[in-house]
Amino acid sequence: MKKYFLFPALALAIISCKKDRVCNCTITVQGTTISRTQTLGLPPLLNGTDTTITQPLFTINSEKKTYNKVREKDMRKTCFSTSSESINQSSNNVVPGIYTITTTQTGTKTYDCKIE
């Protein structure tokens, strides 16, 4: 009878042991990039301009994180399988008296992760 309990206990101990584990994520960003350029011009010779360009935003990157001495159960909590978040980032590039460029990126960032 003891033999029947020894093997499952040994298997459980091996499965739940702490070891180094890797979380491998693919990060996908989808959305749009809007660039607005405004120039002042020099009246009466040159008029100022206001130009807006909209482009699709699409990138795929991968990221690996190594966690030291963790159990598989704890790793599943840390290395989530799928999640997403909204992005809305703006930046300005200004040359006083000449031009202003405003770039805005909006969309969704999606994480798809697996434990190696």
PDB file of N, CA and C in Angstrom:
ATOM      1  N   MET A   1       0.821  -1.192   0.000  1.00  0.00           N
ATOM      2  CA  MET A   1       0.000   0.000   0.000  1.00  0.00           C
ATOM      3  C   MET A   1       0.863   1.253   0.000  1.00  0.00           C
ATOM      4  N   LYS A   2       1.992   1.212   0.680  1.00  0.00           N
ATOM      5  CA  LYS A   2       2.877   2.371   0.735  1.00  0.00           C
ATOM      6  C   LYS A   2       3.441   2.704  -0.643  1.00  0.00           C
ATOM      7  N   LYS A   3       3.622   1.684  -1.504  1.00  0.00           N
ATOM      8  CA  LYS A   3       4.162   1.908  -2.848  1.00  0.00           C
ATOM      9  C   LYS A   3       3.233   2.799  -3.663  1.00  0.00           C
ATOM     10  N   TYR A   4       1.945   2.638  -3.485  1.00  0.00           N
ATOM     11  CA  TYR A   4       0.982   3.406  -4.274  1.00  0.00           C
ATOM     12  C   TYR A   4       0.983   4.890  -3.906  1.00  0.00           C
ATOM     13  N   PHE A   5       1.367   5.202  -2.684  1.00  0.00           N
ATOM     14  CA  PHE A   5       1.414   6.601  -2.259  1.00  0.00           C
ATOM     15  C   PHE A   5       2.793   7.219  -2.502  1.00  0.00           C
ATOM     16  N   LEU A   6       3.825   6.418  -2.587  1.00  0.00           N
ATOM     17  CA  LEU A   6       5.186   6.909  -2.762  1.00  0.00           C
ATOM     18  C   LEU A   6       5.387   7.521  -4.142  1.00  0.00           C
ATOM     19  N   PHE A   7       4.932   6.864  -5.199  1.00  0.00           N
ATOM     20  CA  PHE A   7       5.148   7.356  -6.556  1.00  0.00           C
ATOM     21  C   PHE A   7       4.417   8.669  -6.838  1.00  0.00           C
ATOM     22  N   PRO A   8       3.132   8.812  -6.490  1.00  0.00           N
ATOM     23  CA  PRO A   8       2.484  10.123  -6.709  1.00  0.00           C
ATOM     24  C   PRO A   8       3.125  11.244  -5.895  1.00  0.00           C
ATOM     25  N   ALA A   9       3.561  10.943  -4.686  1.00  0.00           N
ATOM     26  CA  ALA A   9       4.205  11.962  -3.853  1.00  0.00           C
ATOM     27  C   ALA A   9       5.536  12.384  -4.463  1.00  0.00           C
ATOM     28  N   LEU A  10       6.283  11.427  -4.991  1.00  0.00           N
ATOM     29  CA  LEU A  10       7.567  11.724  -5.628  1.00  0.00           C
ATOM     30  C   LEU A  10       7.346  12.542  -6.899  1.00  0.00           C
ATOM     31  N   ALA A  11       6.350  12.180  -7.699  1.00  0.00           N
ATOM     32  CA  ALA A  11       6.039  12.922  -8.923  1.00  0.00           C
ATOM     33  C   ALA A  11       5.614  14.351  -8.599  1.00  0.00           C
ATOM     34  N   LEU A  12       4.810  14.535  -7.574  1.00  0.00           N
ATOM     35  CA  LEU A  12       4.367  15.863  -7.164  1.00  0.00           C
ATOM     36  C   LEU A  12       5.553  16.709  -6.694  1.00  0.00           C
ATOM     37  N   ALA A  13       6.477  16.117  -5.990  1.00  0.00           N
ATOM     38  CA  ALA A  13       7.658  16.845  -5.509  1.00  0.00           C
ATOM     39  C   ALA A  13       8.525  17.309  -6.675  1.00  0.00           C
ATOM     40  N   ILE A  14       8.646  16.470  -7.713  1.00  0.00           N
ATOM     41  CA  ILE A  14       9.460  16.846  -8.865  1.00  0.00           C
ATOM     42  C   ILE A  14       8.780  17.963  -9.649  1.00  0.00           C
ATOM     43  N   ILE A  15       7.474  17.871  -9.842  1.00  0.00           N
ATOM     44  CA  ILE A  15       6.736  18.876 -10.610  1.00  0.00           C
ATOM     45  C   ILE A  15       6.747  20.227  -9.914  1.00  0.00           C
ATOM     46  N   SER A  16       6.612  20.236  -8.603  1.00  0.00           N
ATOM     47  CA  SER A  16       6.500  21.503  -7.887  1.00  0.00           C
ATOM     48  C   SER A  16       7.837  22.040  -7.386  1.00  0.00           C
ATOM     49  N   CYS A  17       8.942  21.512  -7.882  1.00  0.00           N
ATOM     50  CA  CYS A  17      10.236  21.978  -7.407  1.00  0.00           C
ATOM     51  C   CYS A  17      10.535  23.370  -7.949  1.00  0.00           C
ATOM     52  N   LYS A  18      11.386  24.080  -7.225  1.00  0.00           N
ATOM     53  CA  LYS A  18      11.779  25.419  -7.649  1.00  0.00           C
ATOM     54  C   LYS A  18      12.945  25.299  -8.622  1.00  0.00           C
ATOM     55  N   LYS A  19      12.826  25.993  -9.731  1.00  0.00           N
ATOM     56  CA  LYS A  19      13.923  26.040 -10.683  1.00  0.00           C
ATOM     57  C   LYS A  19      13.800  27.307 -11.520  1.00  0.00           C
ATOM     58  N   ASP A  20      14.827  27.582 -12.316  1.00  0.00           N
ATOM     59  CA  ASP A  20      14.804  28.758 -13.181  1.00  0.00           C
ATOM     60  C   ASP A  20      13.814  28.518 -14.318  1.00  0.00           C
ATOM     61  N   ARG A  21      12.973  29.512 -14.575  1.00  0.00           N
ATOM     62  CA  ARG A  21      11.962  29.403 -15.628  1.00  0.00           C
ATOM     63  C   ARG A  21      11.997  30.670 -16.473  1.00  0.00           C
ATOM     64  N   VAL A  22      11.565  30.539 -17.737  1.00  0.00           N
ATOM     65  CA  VAL A  22      11.595  31.652 -18.687  1.00  0.00           C
ATOM     66  C   VAL A  22      10.186  31.939 -19.181  1.00  0.00           C
ATOM     67  N   CYS A  23       9.831  33.215 -19.158  1.00  0.00           N
ATOM     68  CA  CYS A  23       8.551  33.681 -19.709  1.00  0.00           C
ATOM     69  C   CYS A  23       8.870  34.359 -21.043  1.00  0.00           C
ATOM     70  N   ASN A  24       8.360  33.777 -22.139  1.00  0.00           N
ATOM     71  CA  ASN A  24       8.619  34.282 -23.483  1.00  0.00           C
ATOM     72  C   ASN A  24       7.347  34.956 -24.002  1.00  0.00           C
ATOM     73  N   CYS A  25       7.414  36.272 -24.233  1.00  0.00           N
ATOM     74  CA  CYS A  25       6.236  37.036 -24.653  1.00  0.00           C
ATOM     75  C   CYS A  25       6.421  37.619 -26.050  1.00  0.00           C
ATOM     76  N   THR A  26       5.343  37.582 -26.828  1.00  0.00           N
ATOM     77  CA  THR A  26       5.268  38.281 -28.103  1.00  0.00           C
ATOM     78  C   THR A  26       4.386  39.505 -27.876  1.00  0.00           C
ATOM     79  N   ILE A  27       4.932  40.679 -28.174  1.00  0.00           N
ATOM     80  CA  ILE A  27       4.229  41.939 -27.929  1.00  0.00           C
ATOM     81  C   ILE A  27       3.841  42.545 -29.276  1.00  0.00           C
ATOM     82  N   THR A  28       2.534  42.696 -29.482  1.00  0.00           N
ATOM     83  CA  THR A  28       2.020  43.240 -30.739  1.00  0.00           C
ATOM     84  C   THR A  28       1.357  44.585 -30.472  1.00  0.00           C
ATOM     85  N   VAL A  29       1.756  45.602 -31.247  1.00  0.00           N
ATOM     86  CA  VAL A  29       1.163  46.935 -31.135  1.00  0.00           C
ATOM     87  C   VAL A  29       0.444  47.233 -32.443  1.00  0.00           C
ATOM     88  N   GLN A  30      -0.841  47.586 -32.333  1.00  0.00           N
ATOM     89  CA  GLN A  30      -1.637  47.941 -33.506  1.00  0.00           C
ATOM     90  C   GLN A  30      -2.370  49.248 -33.226  1.00  0.00           C
ATOM     91  N   GLY A  31      -2.395  50.118 -34.206  1.00  0.00           N
ATOM     92  CA  GLY A  31      -3.100  51.382 -34.040  1.00  0.00           C
ATOM     93  C   GLY A  31      -2.751  52.348 -35.146  1.00  0.00           C
ATOM     94  N   THR A  32      -2.697  53.643 -34.810  1.00  0.00           N
ATOM     95  CA  THR A  32      -2.377  54.681 -35.781  1.00  0.00           C
ATOM     96  C   THR A  32      -1.366  55.667 -35.202  1.00  0.00           C
ATOM     97  N   THR A  33      -0.606  56.255 -36.112  1.00  0.00           N
ATOM     98  CA  THR A  33       0.313  57.334 -35.769  1.00  0.00           C
ATOM     99  C   THR A  33      -0.134  58.568 -36.546  1.00  0.00           C
ATOM    100  N   ILE A  34      -0.374  59.650 -35.822  1.00  0.00           N
ATOM    101  CA  ILE A  34      -0.790  60.907 -36.449  1.00  0.00           C
ATOM    102  C   ILE A  34       0.319  61.934 -36.202  1.00  0.00           C
ATOM    103  N   SER A  35       0.866  62.465 -37.302  1.00  0.00           N
ATOM    104  CA  SER A  35       1.907  63.492 -37.212  1.00  0.00           C
ATOM    105  C   SER A  35       1.356  64.800 -37.763  1.00  0.00           C
ATOM    106  N   ARG A  36       1.403  65.834 -36.941  1.00  0.00           N
ATOM    107  CA  ARG A  36       0.927  67.158 -37.361  1.00  0.00           C
ATOM    108  C   ARG A  36       2.118  68.117 -37.349  1.00  0.00           C
ATOM    109  N   THR A  37       2.369  68.700 -38.503  1.00  0.00           N
ATOM    110  CA  THR A  37       3.476  69.647 -38.648  1.00  0.00           C
ATOM    111  C   THR A  37       2.904  71.033 -38.908  1.00  0.00           C
ATOM    112  N   GLN A  38       3.330  71.998 -38.108  1.00  0.00           N
ATOM    113  CA  GLN A  38       2.888  73.386 -38.261  1.00  0.00           C
ATOM    114  C   GLN A  38       4.119  74.268 -38.438  1.00  0.00           C
ATOM    115  N   THR A  39       4.147  75.007 -39.539  1.00  0.00           N
ATOM    116  CA  THR A  39       5.232  75.954 -39.758  1.00  0.00           C
ATOM    117  C   THR A  39       4.657  77.366 -39.705  1.00  0.00           C
ATOM    118  N   LEU A  40       5.467  78.316 -39.263  1.00  0.00           N
ATOM    119  CA  LEU A  40       4.990  79.691 -39.100  1.00  0.00           C
ATOM    120  C   LEU A  40       5.021  80.474 -40.401  1.00  0.00           C
ATOM    121  N   GLY A  41       6.004  80.246 -41.247  1.00  0.00           N
ATOM    122  CA  GLY A  41       6.114  81.020 -42.486  1.00  0.00           C
ATOM    123  C   GLY A  41       6.651  82.414 -42.222  1.00  0.00           C
ATOM    124  N   LEU A  42       6.813  83.186 -43.290  1.00  0.00           N
ATOM    125  CA  LEU A  42       7.315  84.559 -43.199  1.00  0.00           C
ATOM    126  C   LEU A  42       6.426  85.457 -44.058  1.00  0.00           C
ATOM    127  N   PRO A  43       5.286  85.924 -43.514  1.00  0.00           N
ATOM    128  CA  PRO A  43       4.400  86.783 -44.326  1.00  0.00           C
ATOM    129  C   PRO A  43       5.147  88.043 -44.752  1.00  0.00           C
ATOM    130  N   PRO A  44       4.920  88.611 -45.860  1.00  0.00           N
ATOM    131  CA  PRO A  44       3.955  88.245 -46.898  1.00  0.00           C
ATOM    132  C   PRO A  44       4.534  87.283 -47.923  1.00  0.00           C
ATOM    133  N   LEU A  45       5.818  86.894 -47.808  1.00  0.00           N
ATOM    134  CA  LEU A  45       6.429  86.020 -48.816  1.00  0.00           C
ATOM    135  C   LEU A  45       5.976  84.556 -48.704  1.00  0.00           C
ATOM    136  N   LEU A  46       6.026  83.997 -47.527  1.00  0.00           N
ATOM    137  CA  LEU A  46       5.670  82.593 -47.322  1.00  0.00           C
ATOM    138  C   LEU A  46       4.576  82.478 -46.264  1.00  0.00           C
ATOM    139  N   ASN A  47       3.556  81.730 -46.587  1.00  0.00           N
ATOM    140  CA  ASN A  47       2.507  81.473 -45.599  1.00  0.00           C
ATOM    141  C   ASN A  47       2.869  80.242 -44.776  1.00  0.00           C
ATOM    142  N   GLY A  48       2.355  80.192 -43.565  1.00  0.00           N
ATOM    143  CA  GLY A  48       2.562  79.027 -42.722  1.00  0.00           C
ATOM    144  C   GLY A  48       1.762  77.836 -43.240  1.00  0.00           C
ATOM    145  N   THR A  49       2.175  76.653 -42.862  1.00  0.00           N
ATOM    146  CA  THR A  49       1.460  75.444 -43.286  1.00  0.00           C
ATOM    147  C   THR A  49       1.038  74.641 -42.064  1.00  0.00           C
ATOM    148  N   ASP A  50       0.022  73.839 -42.263  1.00  0.00           N
ATOM    149  CA  ASP A  50      -0.471  72.942 -41.218  1.00  0.00           C
ATOM    150  C   ASP A  50      -0.785  71.622 -41.918  1.00  0.00           C
ATOM    151  N   THR A  51       0.070  70.620 -41.714  1.00  0.00           N
ATOM    152  CA  THR A  51      -0.059  69.346 -42.405  1.00  0.00           C
ATOM    153  C   THR A  51      -0.258  68.225 -41.393  1.00  0.00           C
ATOM    154  N   THR A  52      -1.227  67.345 -41.665  1.00  0.00           N
ATOM    155  CA  THR A  52      -1.461  66.181 -40.805  1.00  0.00           C
ATOM    156  C   THR A  52      -1.339  64.920 -41.641  1.00  0.00           C
ATOM    157  N   ILE A  53      -0.539  63.972 -41.153  1.00  0.00           N
ATOM    158  CA  ILE A  53      -0.334  62.690 -41.837  1.00  0.00           C
ATOM    159  C   ILE A  53      -0.728  61.579 -40.871  1.00  0.00           C
ATOM    160  N   THR A  54      -1.587  60.668 -41.339  1.00  0.00           N
ATOM    161  CA  THR A  54      -2.011  59.523 -40.535  1.00  0.00           C
ATOM    162  C   THR A  54      -1.443  58.253 -41.161  1.00  0.00           C
ATOM    163  N   GLN A  55      -0.770  57.447 -40.329  1.00  0.00           N
ATOM    164  CA  GLN A  55      -0.170  56.198 -40.797  1.00  0.00           C
ATOM    165  C   GLN A  55      -0.565  55.064 -39.864  1.00  0.00           C
ATOM    166  N   PRO A  56      -0.651  53.837 -40.405  1.00  0.00           N
ATOM    167  CA  PRO A  56      -0.920  52.694 -39.524  1.00  0.00           C
ATOM    168  C   PRO A  56       0.288  52.412 -38.639  1.00  0.00           C
ATOM    169  N   LEU A  57       0.014  51.945 -37.453  1.00  0.00           N
ATOM    170  CA  LEU A  57       1.057  51.574 -36.492  1.00  0.00           C
ATOM    171  C   LEU A  57       0.952  50.077 -36.259  1.00  0.00           C
ATOM    172  N   PHE A  58       2.018  49.340 -36.562  1.00  0.00           N
ATOM    173  CA  PHE A  58       2.015  47.893 -36.367  1.00  0.00           C
ATOM    174  C   PHE A  58       3.438  47.436 -36.098  1.00  0.00           C
ATOM    175  N   THR A  59       3.675  46.898 -34.905  1.00  0.00           N
ATOM    176  CA  THR A  59       4.984  46.336 -34.569  1.00  0.00           C
ATOM    177  C   THR A  59       4.794  45.028 -33.823  1.00  0.00           C
ATOM    178  N   ILE A  60       5.759  44.143 -34.002  1.00  0.00           N
ATOM    179  CA  ILE A  60       5.797  42.883 -33.255  1.00  0.00           C
ATOM    180  C   ILE A  60       7.195  42.744 -32.670  1.00  0.00           C
ATOM    181  N   ASN A  61       7.273  42.558 -31.364  1.00  0.00           N
ATOM    182  CA  ASN A  61       8.541  42.355 -30.668  1.00  0.00           C
ATOM    183  C   ASN A  61       8.416  41.144 -29.765  1.00  0.00           C
ATOM    184  N   SER A  62       9.555  40.609 -29.370  1.00  0.00           N
ATOM    185  CA  SER A  62       9.528  39.512 -28.404  1.00  0.00           C
ATOM    186  C   SER A  62      10.393  39.892 -27.210  1.00  0.00           C
ATOM    187  N   GLU A  63      10.028  39.333 -26.072  1.00  0.00           N
ATOM    188  CA  GLU A  63      10.730  39.644 -24.830  1.00  0.00           C
ATOM    189  C   GLU A  63      10.788  38.383 -23.979  1.00  0.00           C
ATOM    190  N   LYS A  64      11.968  38.070 -23.474  1.00  0.00           N
ATOM    191  CA  LYS A  64      12.131  36.917 -22.591  1.00  0.00           C
ATOM    192  C   LYS A  64      12.585  37.407 -21.223  1.00  0.00           C
ATOM    193  N   LYS A  65      11.929  36.887 -20.188  1.00  0.00           N
ATOM    194  CA  LYS A  65      12.316  37.200 -18.820  1.00  0.00           C
ATOM    195  C   LYS A  65      12.607  35.898 -18.100  1.00  0.00           C
ATOM    196  N   THR A  66      13.717  35.855 -17.391  1.00  0.00           N
ATOM    197  CA  THR A  66      14.094  34.676 -16.628  1.00  0.00           C
ATOM    198  C   THR A  66      13.805  34.929 -15.153  1.00  0.00           C
ATOM    199  N   TYR A  67      13.118  33.986 -14.543  1.00  0.00           N
ATOM    200  CA  TYR A  67      12.808  34.044 -13.119  1.00  0.00           C
ATOM    201  C   TYR A  67      13.575  32.920 -12.434  1.00  0.00           C
ATOM    202  N   ASN A  68      14.286  33.259 -11.381  1.00  0.00           N
ATOM    203  CA  ASN A  68      15.124  32.284 -10.693  1.00  0.00           C
ATOM    204  C   ASN A  68      14.390  31.640  -9.529  1.00  0.00           C
ATOM    205  N   LYS A  69      14.538  30.343  -9.448  1.00  0.00           N
ATOM    206  CA  LYS A  69      14.039  29.552  -8.311  1.00  0.00           C
ATOM    207  C   LYS A  69      12.555  29.795  -8.033  1.00  0.00           C
ATOM    208  N   VAL A  70      11.694  29.514  -9.012  1.00  0.00           N
ATOM    209  CA  VAL A  70      10.253  29.648  -8.835  1.00  0.00           C
ATOM    210  C   VAL A  70       9.557  28.324  -9.130  1.00  0.00           C
ATOM    211  N   ARG A  71       8.442  28.117  -8.463  1.00  0.00           N
ATOM    212  CA  ARG A  71       7.613  26.945  -8.730  1.00  0.00           C
ATOM    213  C   ARG A  71       6.772  27.206  -9.973  1.00  0.00           C
ATOM    214  N   GLU A  72       6.339  26.117 -10.602  1.00  0.00           N
ATOM    215  CA  GLU A  72       5.535  26.257 -11.816  1.00  0.00           C
ATOM    216  C   GLU A  72       4.221  26.985 -11.519  1.00  0.00           C
ATOM    217  N   LYS A  73       3.616  26.705 -10.382  1.00  0.00           N
ATOM    218  CA  LYS A  73       2.359  27.354 -10.001  1.00  0.00           C
ATOM    219  C   LYS A  73       2.545  28.870  -9.880  1.00  0.00           C
ATOM    220  N   ASP A  74       3.628  29.298  -9.240  1.00  0.00           N
ATOM    221  CA  ASP A  74       3.910  30.724  -9.091  1.00  0.00           C
ATOM    222  C   ASP A  74       4.248  31.359 -10.442  1.00  0.00           C
ATOM    223  N   MET A  75       4.897  30.593 -11.298  1.00  0.00           N
ATOM    224  CA  MET A  75       5.262  31.101 -12.618  1.00  0.00           C
ATOM    225  C   MET A  75       4.014  31.357 -13.461  1.00  0.00           C
ATOM    226  N   ARG A  76       3.004  30.503 -13.344  1.00  0.00           N
ATOM    227  CA  ARG A  76       1.767  30.704 -14.101  1.00  0.00           C
ATOM    228  C   ARG A  76       1.075  32.005 -13.699  1.00  0.00           C
ATOM    229  N   LYS A  77       1.230  32.402 -12.436  1.00  0.00           N
ATOM    230  CA  LYS A  77       0.655  33.675 -11.979  1.00  0.00           C
ATOM    231  C   LYS A  77       1.452  34.863 -12.511  1.00  0.00           C
ATOM    232  N   THR A  78       2.757  34.689 -12.639  1.00  0.00           N
ATOM    233  CA  THR A  78       3.632  35.772 -13.074  1.00  0.00           C
ATOM    234  C   THR A  78       3.636  35.933 -14.594  1.00  0.00           C
ATOM    235  N   CYS A  79       3.671  34.814 -15.308  1.00  0.00           N
ATOM    236  CA  CYS A  79       3.735  34.826 -16.772  1.00  0.00           C
ATOM    237  C   CYS A  79       2.328  34.587 -17.307  1.00  0.00           C
ATOM    238  N   PHE A  80       1.541  35.646 -17.370  1.00  0.00           N
ATOM    239  CA  PHE A  80       0.157  35.550 -17.818  1.00  0.00           C
ATOM    240  C   PHE A  80       0.127  35.161 -19.290  1.00  0.00           C
ATOM    241  N   SER A  81      -0.907  34.431 -19.706  1.00  0.00           N
ATOM    242  CA  SER A  81      -0.953  33.943 -21.085  1.00  0.00           C
ATOM    243  C   SER A  81      -1.259  35.057 -22.084  1.00  0.00           C
ATOM    244  N   THR A  82      -2.294  35.852 -21.848  1.00  0.00           N
ATOM    245  CA  THR A  82      -2.652  36.928 -22.767  1.00  0.00           C
ATOM    246  C   THR A  82      -3.197  38.115 -21.986  1.00  0.00           C
ATOM    247  N   SER A  83      -2.783  39.307 -22.382  1.00  0.00           N
ATOM    248  CA  SER A  83      -3.350  40.531 -21.815  1.00  0.00           C
ATOM    249  C   SER A  83      -3.175  41.651 -22.834  1.00  0.00           C
ATOM    250  N   SER A  84      -3.915  42.721 -22.649  1.00  0.00           N
ATOM    251  CA  SER A  84      -3.770  43.861 -23.556  1.00  0.00           C
ATOM    252  C   SER A  84      -3.983  45.157 -22.780  1.00  0.00           C
ATOM    253  N   GLU A  85      -3.461  46.229 -23.352  1.00  0.00           N
ATOM    254  CA  GLU A  85      -3.602  47.548 -22.749  1.00  0.00           C
ATOM    255  C   GLU A  85      -3.693  48.594 -23.859  1.00  0.00           C
ATOM    256  N   SER A  86      -4.359  49.676 -23.560  1.00  0.00           N
ATOM    257  CA  SER A  86      -4.487  50.777 -24.520  1.00  0.00           C
ATOM    258  C   SER A  86      -3.242  51.643 -24.470  1.00  0.00           C
ATOM    259  N   ILE A  87      -2.872  52.191 -25.622  1.00  0.00           N
ATOM    260  CA  ILE A  87      -1.757  53.136 -25.654  1.00  0.00           C
ATOM    261  C   ILE A  87      -2.255  54.461 -26.220  1.00  0.00           C
ATOM    262  N   ASN A  88      -1.745  55.532 -25.673  1.00  0.00           N
ATOM    263  CA  ASN A  88      -2.039  56.881 -26.142  1.00  0.00           C
ATOM    264  C   ASN A  88      -0.841  57.744 -25.751  1.00  0.00           C
ATOM    265  N   GLN A  89       0.108  57.877 -26.681  1.00  0.00           N
ATOM    266  CA  GLN A  89       1.348  58.583 -26.393  1.00  0.00           C
ATOM    267  C   GLN A  89       1.497  59.760 -27.342  1.00  0.00           C
ATOM    268  N   SER A  90       1.926  60.887 -26.802  1.00  0.00           N
ATOM    269  CA  SER A  90       2.162  62.077 -27.622  1.00  0.00           C
ATOM    270  C   SER A  90       3.555  62.613 -27.354  1.00  0.00           C
ATOM    271  N   SER A  91       4.145  63.180 -28.396  1.00  0.00           N
ATOM    272  CA  SER A  91       5.440  63.836 -28.237  1.00  0.00           C
ATOM    273  C   SER A  91       5.475  65.081 -29.119  1.00  0.00           C
ATOM    274  N   ASN A  92       6.227  66.081 -28.684  1.00  0.00           N
ATOM    275  CA  ASN A  92       6.358  67.337 -29.427  1.00  0.00           C
ATOM    276  C   ASN A  92       7.819  67.580 -29.756  1.00  0.00           C
ATOM    277  N   ASN A  93       8.050  68.091 -30.954  1.00  0.00           N
ATOM    278  CA  ASN A  93       9.375  68.525 -31.377  1.00  0.00           C
ATOM    279  C   ASN A  93       9.207  69.963 -31.849  1.00  0.00           C
ATOM    280  N   VAL A  94       9.804  70.900 -31.125  1.00  0.00           N
ATOM    281  CA  VAL A  94       9.573  72.318 -31.398  1.00  0.00           C
ATOM    282  C   VAL A  94      10.904  73.017 -31.692  1.00  0.00           C
ATOM    283  N   VAL A  95      10.913  73.779 -32.794  1.00  0.00           N
ATOM    284  CA  VAL A  95      11.992  74.721 -33.058  1.00  0.00           C
ATOM    285  C   VAL A  95      11.321  76.095 -33.024  1.00  0.00           C
ATOM    286  N   PRO A  96      11.557  76.864 -31.951  1.00  0.00           N
ATOM    287  CA  PRO A  96      10.837  78.121 -31.765  1.00  0.00           C
ATOM    288  C   PRO A  96      10.942  79.051 -32.973  1.00  0.00           C
ATOM    289  N   GLY A  97       9.786  79.537 -33.394  1.00  0.00           N
ATOM    290  CA  GLY A  97       9.729  80.473 -34.507  1.00  0.00           C
ATOM    291  C   GLY A  97       9.783  79.823 -35.877  1.00  0.00           C
ATOM    292  N   ILE A  98       9.958  78.494 -35.948  1.00  0.00           N
ATOM    293  CA  ILE A  98      10.067  77.839 -37.255  1.00  0.00           C
ATOM    294  C   ILE A  98       8.971  76.779 -37.437  1.00  0.00           C
ATOM    295  N   TYR A  99       8.979  75.744 -36.599  1.00  0.00           N
ATOM    296  CA  TYR A  99       7.973  74.692 -36.766  1.00  0.00           C
ATOM    297  C   TYR A  99       7.697  73.957 -35.457  1.00  0.00           C
ATOM    298  N   THR A 100       6.569  73.247 -35.444  1.00  0.00           N
ATOM    299  CA  THR A 100       6.193  72.363 -34.341  1.00  0.00           C
ATOM    300  C   THR A 100       5.688  71.057 -34.953  1.00  0.00           C
ATOM    301  N   ILE A 101       6.218  69.934 -34.480  1.00  0.00           N
ATOM    302  CA  ILE A 101       5.751  68.616 -34.928  1.00  0.00           C
ATOM    303  C   ILE A 101       5.184  67.892 -33.708  1.00  0.00           C
ATOM    304  N   THR A 102       3.915  67.511 -33.791  1.00  0.00           N
ATOM    305  CA  THR A 102       3.255  66.758 -32.726  1.00  0.00           C
ATOM    306  C   THR A 102       2.945  65.369 -33.264  1.00  0.00           C
ATOM    307  N   THR A 103       3.436  64.349 -32.578  1.00  0.00           N
ATOM    308  CA  THR A 103       3.199  62.963 -32.990  1.00  0.00           C
ATOM    309  C   THR A 103       2.386  62.272 -31.907  1.00  0.00           C
ATOM    310  N   THR A 104       1.279  61.649 -32.309  1.00  0.00           N
ATOM    311  CA  THR A 104       0.404  60.943 -31.374  1.00  0.00           C
ATOM    312  C   THR A 104       0.225  59.504 -31.848  1.00  0.00           C
ATOM    313  N   GLN A 105       0.482  58.563 -30.950  1.00  0.00           N
ATOM    314  CA  GLN A 105       0.272  57.139 -31.249  1.00  0.00           C
ATOM    315  C   GLN A 105      -0.862  56.629 -30.369  1.00  0.00           C
ATOM    316  N   THR A 106      -1.867  56.024 -30.999  1.00  0.00           N
ATOM    317  CA  THR A 106      -2.979  55.433 -30.268  1.00  0.00           C
ATOM    318  C   THR A 106      -3.207  54.023 -30.781  1.00  0.00           C
ATOM    319  N   GLY A 107      -3.690  53.159 -29.908  1.00  0.00           N
ATOM    320  CA  GLY A 107      -3.967  51.785 -30.318  1.00  0.00           C
ATOM    321  C   GLY A 107      -3.991  50.847 -29.139  1.00  0.00           C
ATOM    322  N   THR A 108      -3.631  49.592 -29.415  1.00  0.00           N
ATOM    323  CA  THR A 108      -3.654  48.536 -28.405  1.00  0.00           C
ATOM    324  C   THR A 108      -2.339  47.771 -28.422  1.00  0.00           C
ATOM    325  N   LYS A 109      -1.824  47.486 -27.234  1.00  0.00           N
ATOM    326  CA  LYS A 109      -0.636  46.660 -27.069  1.00  0.00           C
ATOM    327  C   LYS A 109      -1.091  45.335 -26.457  1.00  0.00           C
ATOM    328  N   THR A 110      -0.800  44.224 -27.156  1.00  0.00           N
ATOM    329  CA  THR A 110      -1.238  42.903 -26.724  1.00  0.00           C
ATOM    330  C   THR A 110      -0.014  42.039 -26.389  1.00  0.00           C
ATOM    331  N   TYR A 111      -0.079  41.370 -25.235  1.00  0.00           N
ATOM    332  CA  TYR A 111       0.968  40.464 -24.787  1.00  0.00           C
ATOM    333  C   TYR A 111       0.460  39.031 -24.894  1.00  0.00           C
ATOM    334  N   ASP A 112       1.217  38.176 -25.566  1.00  0.00           N
ATOM    335  CA  ASP A 112       0.903  36.756 -25.667  1.00  0.00           C
ATOM    336  C   ASP A 112       2.115  35.995 -25.142  1.00  0.00           C
ATOM    337  N   CYS A 113       1.984  35.400 -23.947  1.00  0.00           N
ATOM    338  CA  CYS A 113       3.155  34.834 -23.267  1.00  0.00           C
ATOM    339  C   CYS A 113       3.022  33.324 -23.063  1.00  0.00           C
ATOM    340  N   LYS A 114       4.197  32.673 -23.053  1.00  0.00           N
ATOM    341  CA  LYS A 114       4.268  31.232 -22.803  1.00  0.00           C
ATOM    342  C   LYS A 114       5.440  30.948 -21.878  1.00  0.00           C
ATOM    343  N   ILE A 115       5.300  29.934 -21.062  1.00  0.00           N
ATOM    344  CA  ILE A 115       6.382  29.511 -20.178  1.00  0.00           C
ATOM    345  C   ILE A 115       7.232  28.494 -20.907  1.00  0.00           C
ATOM    346  N   GLU A 116       8.529  28.740 -20.943  1.00  0.00           N
ATOM    347  CA  GLU A 116       9.449  27.795 -21.594  1.00  0.00           C
ATOM    348  C   GLU A 116      10.015  26.827 -20.586  1.00  0.00           C
TER     349      GLU A 116
END
